[in-house]
Amino acid sequence: MPSPAHIRSTVATIVDQPNDLRELRTFHKALADVNRLRIVRRLAEGPATVGDLIDTVGLSQPLVSWHVSRLRAAGIVRSRRSGRETLCELQPDIFDTTAERQRLLLGMPVEHAGPAEAN
């Protein structure tokens, strides 16, 4: 018999979820892996081939390609073929635009005010 937690989880996945919140979930899930974060950190320095990323994270080519595909699906990375190599780079301003969109979707103020000044 399934546990109550399993039943709640199953019901939660069946409930219709807003697409905009799914988009945020996909973005955050893509960054919820240390190897993908290491790839993003490397790409923050500039474009890199999959071979460069293999050297950075120390994983096999299929695993690095899989992680890049997760980042690409989330809109964080773009890639293109250049001969036999695949060149990857961060989408321009992805973190700024996502942070702004996230604040709007979650009903938070767009500009974060600093702490109130003491009188």
C-alpha atoms as a PDB file:
ATOM      1  CA  MET A   1       0.000   0.000   0.000  1.00  0.00           C
ATOM      2  CA  PRO A   2       1.425   3.432  -0.925  1.00  0.00           C
ATOM      3  CA  SER A   3       2.393   5.768   1.905  1.00  0.00           C
ATOM      4  CA  PRO A   4       0.377   8.938   2.562  1.00  0.00           C
ATOM      5  CA  ALA A   5       3.353  11.017   1.409  1.00  0.00           C
ATOM      6  CA  HIS A   6       3.462   9.114  -1.889  1.00  0.00           C
ATOM      7  CA  ILE A   7      -0.272   9.637  -2.392  1.00  0.00           C
ATOM      8  CA  ARG A   8       0.050  13.402  -1.695  1.00  0.00           C
ATOM      9  CA  SER A   9       2.963  13.623  -4.120  1.00  0.00           C
ATOM     10  CA  THR A  10       1.019  11.813  -6.832  1.00  0.00           C
ATOM     11  CA  VAL A  11      -2.042  14.021  -6.345  1.00  0.00           C
ATOM     12  CA  ALA A  12       0.140  17.148  -6.430  1.00  0.00           C
ATOM     13  CA  THR A  13       1.548  16.157  -9.823  1.00  0.00           C
ATOM     14  CA  ILE A  14      -1.925  15.549 -11.221  1.00  0.00           C
ATOM     15  CA  VAL A  15      -3.263  18.958 -10.146  1.00  0.00           C
ATOM     16  CA  ASP A  16      -3.094  21.445 -12.989  1.00  0.00           C
ATOM     17  CA  GLN A  17      -0.088  23.677 -12.379  1.00  0.00           C
ATOM     18  CA  PRO A  18       0.282  27.111 -14.002  1.00  0.00           C
ATOM     19  CA  ASN A  19       2.751  27.073 -16.890  1.00  0.00           C
ATOM     20  CA  ASP A  20       4.604  30.135 -15.631  1.00  0.00           C
ATOM     21  CA  LEU A  21       5.329  28.405 -12.327  1.00  0.00           C
ATOM     22  CA  ARG A  22       6.404  25.248 -14.160  1.00  0.00           C
ATOM     23  CA  GLU A  23       8.872  27.415 -16.061  1.00  0.00           C
ATOM     24  CA  LEU A  24      10.347  28.643 -12.773  1.00  0.00           C
ATOM     25  CA  ARG A  25      10.484  25.086 -11.447  1.00  0.00           C
ATOM     26  CA  THR A  26      12.359  23.922 -14.561  1.00  0.00           C
ATOM     27  CA  PHE A  27      14.851  26.767 -14.171  1.00  0.00           C
ATOM     28  CA  HIS A  28      15.493  26.017 -10.504  1.00  0.00           C
ATOM     29  CA  LYS A  29      15.638  22.252 -10.983  1.00  0.00           C
ATOM     30  CA  ALA A  30      18.275  22.756 -13.658  1.00  0.00           C
ATOM     31  CA  LEU A  31      20.391  24.626 -11.118  1.00  0.00           C
ATOM     32  CA  ALA A  32      19.757  22.111  -8.325  1.00  0.00           C
ATOM     33  CA  ASP A  33      22.673  19.915  -9.397  1.00  0.00           C
ATOM     34  CA  VAL A  34      26.264  20.672  -8.379  1.00  0.00           C
ATOM     35  CA  ASN A  35      27.697  19.519 -11.722  1.00  0.00           C
ATOM     36  CA  ARG A  36      25.346  21.817 -13.628  1.00  0.00           C
ATOM     37  CA  LEU A  37      26.296  24.672 -11.317  1.00  0.00           C
ATOM     38  CA  ARG A  38      29.954  23.958 -12.061  1.00  0.00           C
ATOM     39  CA  ILE A  39      29.172  24.062 -15.788  1.00  0.00           C
ATOM     40  CA  VAL A  40      27.351  27.394 -15.369  1.00  0.00           C
ATOM     41  CA  ARG A  41      30.265  28.790 -13.355  1.00  0.00           C
ATOM     42  CA  ARG A  42      32.663  27.793 -16.156  1.00  0.00           C
ATOM     43  CA  LEU A  43      30.388  29.298 -18.822  1.00  0.00           C
ATOM     44  CA  ALA A  44      30.211  32.547 -16.828  1.00  0.00           C
ATOM     45  CA  GLU A  45      33.874  32.975 -17.818  1.00  0.00           C
ATOM     46  CA  GLY A  46      32.940  32.687 -21.508  1.00  0.00           C
ATOM     47  CA  PRO A  47      31.887  30.169 -24.163  1.00  0.00           C
ATOM     48  CA  ALA A  48      33.310  26.651 -23.908  1.00  0.00           C
ATOM     49  CA  THR A  49      33.255  23.449 -25.897  1.00  0.00           C
ATOM     50  CA  VAL A  50      31.881  20.268 -24.407  1.00  0.00           C
ATOM     51  CA  GLY A  51      35.504  19.112 -24.238  1.00  0.00           C
ATOM     52  CA  ASP A  52      36.352  22.149 -22.090  1.00  0.00           C
ATOM     53  CA  LEU A  53      33.398  21.373 -19.834  1.00  0.00           C
ATOM     54  CA  ILE A  54      34.533  17.746 -19.512  1.00  0.00           C
ATOM     55  CA  ASP A  55      37.892  19.038 -18.254  1.00  0.00           C
ATOM     56  CA  THR A  56      36.132  21.381 -15.826  1.00  0.00           C
ATOM     57  CA  VAL A  57      33.705  18.936 -14.219  1.00  0.00           C
ATOM     58  CA  GLY A  58      35.613  15.690 -14.745  1.00  0.00           C
ATOM     59  CA  LEU A  59      32.628  13.751 -16.065  1.00  0.00           C
ATOM     60  CA  SER A  60      32.274  11.676 -19.214  1.00  0.00           C
ATOM     61  CA  GLN A  61      31.173  13.242 -22.500  1.00  0.00           C
ATOM     62  CA  PRO A  62      27.699  11.661 -22.391  1.00  0.00           C
ATOM     63  CA  LEU A  63      27.101  12.968 -18.861  1.00  0.00           C
ATOM     64  CA  VAL A  64      28.320  16.481 -19.668  1.00  0.00           C
ATOM     65  CA  SER A  65      26.144  16.523 -22.798  1.00  0.00           C
ATOM     66  CA  TRP A  66      23.157  15.384 -20.726  1.00  0.00           C
ATOM     67  CA  HIS A  67      23.742  18.135 -18.146  1.00  0.00           C
ATOM     68  CA  VAL A  68      24.115  20.713 -20.932  1.00  0.00           C
ATOM     69  CA  SER A  69      20.824  19.503 -22.428  1.00  0.00           C
ATOM     70  CA  ARG A  70      19.081  20.070 -19.050  1.00  0.00           C
ATOM     71  CA  LEU A  71      20.519  23.591 -18.889  1.00  0.00           C
ATOM     72  CA  ARG A  72      19.481  24.208 -22.492  1.00  0.00           C
ATOM     73  CA  ALA A  73      15.922  22.972 -21.805  1.00  0.00           C
ATOM     74  CA  ALA A  74      15.701  25.453 -18.926  1.00  0.00           C
ATOM     75  CA  GLY A  75      16.830  28.298 -21.194  1.00  0.00           C
ATOM     76  CA  ILE A  76      20.068  28.870 -19.281  1.00  0.00           C
ATOM     77  CA  VAL A  77      22.513  27.700 -21.942  1.00  0.00           C
ATOM     78  CA  ARG A  78      22.557  27.798 -25.698  1.00  0.00           C
ATOM     79  CA  SER A  79      24.780  25.631 -27.845  1.00  0.00           C
ATOM     80  CA  ARG A  80      25.733  25.303 -31.474  1.00  0.00           C
ATOM     81  CA  ARG A  81      27.798  22.936 -33.528  1.00  0.00           C
ATOM     82  CA  SER A  82      31.114  24.162 -34.829  1.00  0.00           C
ATOM     83  CA  GLY A  83      32.580  21.395 -36.960  1.00  0.00           C
ATOM     84  CA  ARG A  84      32.982  18.389 -34.693  1.00  0.00           C
ATOM     85  CA  GLU A  85      32.678  20.443 -31.501  1.00  0.00           C
ATOM     86  CA  THR A  86      29.647  21.751 -29.652  1.00  0.00           C
ATOM     87  CA  LEU A  87      30.157  25.279 -28.358  1.00  0.00           C
ATOM     88  CA  CYS A  88      28.126  26.253 -25.285  1.00  0.00           C
ATOM     89  CA  GLU A  89      27.458  29.636 -23.726  1.00  0.00           C
ATOM     90  CA  LEU A  90      25.140  31.193 -21.184  1.00  0.00           C
ATOM     91  CA  GLN A  91      22.074  32.955 -22.512  1.00  0.00           C
ATOM     92  CA  PRO A  92      22.748  36.691 -22.185  1.00  0.00           C
ATOM     93  CA  ASP A  93      21.265  38.220 -19.003  1.00  0.00           C
ATOM     94  CA  ILE A  94      19.427  34.981 -18.158  1.00  0.00           C
ATOM     95  CA  PHE A  95      19.827  35.402 -14.415  1.00  0.00           C
ATOM     96  CA  ASP A  96      18.754  39.045 -14.353  1.00  0.00           C
ATOM     97  CA  THR A  97      15.685  38.455 -16.517  1.00  0.00           C
ATOM     98  CA  THR A  98      14.721  35.312 -14.601  1.00  0.00           C
ATOM     99  CA  ALA A  99      15.078  37.059 -11.241  1.00  0.00           C
ATOM    100  CA  GLU A 100      12.843  39.884 -12.448  1.00  0.00           C
ATOM    101  CA  ARG A 101      10.280  37.480 -13.908  1.00  0.00           C
ATOM    102  CA  GLN A 102      10.349  35.388 -10.754  1.00  0.00           C
ATOM    103  CA  ARG A 103       9.631  38.425  -8.567  1.00  0.00           C
ATOM    104  CA  LEU A 104       6.660  39.338 -10.765  1.00  0.00           C
ATOM    105  CA  LEU A 105       5.257  35.794 -10.862  1.00  0.00           C
ATOM    106  CA  LEU A 106       5.546  35.408  -7.113  1.00  0.00           C
ATOM    107  CA  GLY A 107       3.958  38.802  -6.448  1.00  0.00           C
ATOM    108  CA  MET A 108       7.094  40.346  -4.982  1.00  0.00           C
ATOM    109  CA  PRO A 109       8.164  43.951  -5.486  1.00  0.00           C
ATOM    110  CA  VAL A 110      10.390  44.356  -8.536  1.00  0.00           C
ATOM    111  CA  GLU A 111      12.835  46.640  -6.754  1.00  0.00           C
ATOM    112  CA  HIS A 112      14.037  45.458  -3.386  1.00  0.00           C
ATOM    113  CA  ALA A 113      14.125  48.300  -0.902  1.00  0.00           C
ATOM    114  CA  GLY A 114      16.936  48.376   1.618  1.00  0.00           C
ATOM    115  CA  PRO A 115      16.360  48.325   5.364  1.00  0.00           C
ATOM    116  CA  ALA A 116      14.434  51.270   6.755  1.00  0.00           C
ATOM    117  CA  GLU A 117      16.628  54.011   8.100  1.00  0.00           C
ATOM    118  CA  ALA A 118      16.524  54.593  11.822  1.00  0.00           C
ATOM    119  CA  ASN A 119      15.189  57.995  12.924  1.00  0.00           C
END
